[in-house]
């Protein structure tokens, strides 16, 4: 079994998705508290770069996923179109 390398920030413990095209943490971030939900970021047709991480929010140890986006309009698009299962 391979072990994923975690990334620690001030707010999160992150594990990058192997499907990420861009392996960066971008400025605009949306935490969704659904750790097992499949989020297909390509279907949002963002204008900028984006990445997805499995995440543990350190303030309350809540597990979920963190979507990071390069552009503020992409953050708004994700927030308005995202619907949990």
Protein backbone atom coordinates (compact mmCIF):
# COMPACT_ATOMS: atom_id res chain seq x y z
CA UNK A 1 0.00 0.00 0.00
CA UNK A 2 1.40 3.37 -1.03
CA UNK A 3 1.34 6.22 1.43
CA UNK A 4 0.19 9.67 0.35
CA UNK A 5 2.38 12.61 1.28
CA UNK A 6 0.48 15.18 3.29
CA UNK A 7 0.79 18.96 3.14
CA UNK A 8 0.21 21.05 6.25
CA UNK A 9 -1.01 24.65 6.15
CA UNK A 10 -2.19 26.90 8.98
CA UNK A 11 -5.79 25.79 8.37
CA UNK A 12 -5.64 22.29 6.88
CA UNK A 13 -3.85 18.97 6.63
CA UNK A 14 -4.10 18.16 2.91
CA UNK A 15 -3.62 15.12 0.71
CA UNK A 16 -3.55 15.88 -3.04
CA UNK A 17 -5.81 14.05 -5.44
CA UNK A 18 -3.86 11.89 -7.89
CA UNK A 19 -6.11 13.32 -10.64
CA UNK A 20 -4.83 16.90 -10.14
CA UNK A 21 -3.36 18.49 -13.24
CA UNK A 22 -1.93 21.32 -11.16
CA UNK A 23 -0.22 20.32 -7.94
CA UNK A 24 -0.54 23.68 -6.20
CA UNK A 25 -2.64 25.27 -3.50
CA UNK A 26 -4.32 28.31 -5.06
CA UNK A 27 -5.51 31.47 -3.32
CA UNK A 28 -9.27 30.87 -3.58
CA UNK A 29 -10.38 27.90 -1.50
CA UNK A 30 -13.68 26.16 -0.80
CA UNK A 31 -13.94 23.49 1.90
CA UNK A 32 -16.75 20.97 1.41
CA UNK A 33 -17.49 18.61 4.33
CA UNK A 34 -18.04 15.55 2.13
CA UNK A 35 -14.89 13.41 2.33
CA UNK A 36 -16.19 10.57 0.14
CA UNK A 37 -18.04 12.50 -2.56
CA UNK A 38 -16.65 12.36 -6.09
CA UNK A 39 -16.06 15.93 -7.28
CA UNK A 40 -15.40 16.16 -11.02
CA UNK A 41 -13.77 19.57 -11.33
CA UNK A 42 -13.34 19.27 -15.09
CA UNK A 43 -17.12 19.40 -15.54
CA UNK A 44 -17.18 22.96 -14.14
CA UNK A 45 -15.14 24.30 -17.10
CA UNK A 46 -13.12 26.72 -15.00
CA UNK A 47 -11.18 29.49 -16.75
CA UNK A 48 -8.15 29.20 -14.46
CA UNK A 49 -6.19 26.45 -12.79
CA UNK A 50 -7.62 24.36 -9.96
CA UNK A 51 -6.76 21.48 -7.64
CA UNK A 52 -8.53 19.15 -5.24
CA UNK A 53 -7.34 17.81 -1.90
CA UNK A 54 -8.66 15.46 0.74
CA UNK A 55 -8.62 17.71 3.78
CA UNK A 56 -8.79 17.80 7.54
CA UNK A 57 -9.81 21.26 8.78
CA UNK A 58 -7.58 21.84 11.80
CA UNK A 59 -9.92 24.24 13.64
CA UNK A 60 -12.46 21.46 14.32
CA UNK A 61 -10.84 18.29 12.86
CA UNK A 62 -13.66 18.08 10.30
CA UNK A 63 -12.85 15.83 7.34
CA UNK A 64 -13.79 16.85 3.81
CA UNK A 65 -12.29 18.09 0.58
CA UNK A 66 -10.66 21.37 -0.32
CA UNK A 67 -11.09 22.81 -3.80
CA UNK A 68 -8.47 25.45 -4.58
CA UNK A 69 -8.89 27.81 -7.50
CA UNK A 70 -6.73 30.36 -9.26
CA UNK A 71 -9.50 32.84 -10.14
CA UNK A 72 -12.24 34.42 -7.98
CA UNK A 73 -14.87 33.90 -10.69
CA UNK A 74 -14.13 30.18 -10.63
CA UNK A 75 -14.65 30.16 -6.86
CA UNK A 76 -18.06 31.78 -7.34
CA UNK A 77 -18.93 29.32 -10.12
CA UNK A 78 -18.06 26.35 -7.91
CA UNK A 79 -20.01 27.70 -4.93
CA UNK A 80 -23.13 28.33 -7.01
CA UNK A 81 -23.05 25.06 -8.96
CA UNK A 82 -21.85 22.58 -6.35
CA UNK A 83 -24.64 20.32 -5.12
CA UNK A 84 -23.79 17.56 -2.61
CA UNK A 85 -25.09 14.05 -3.28
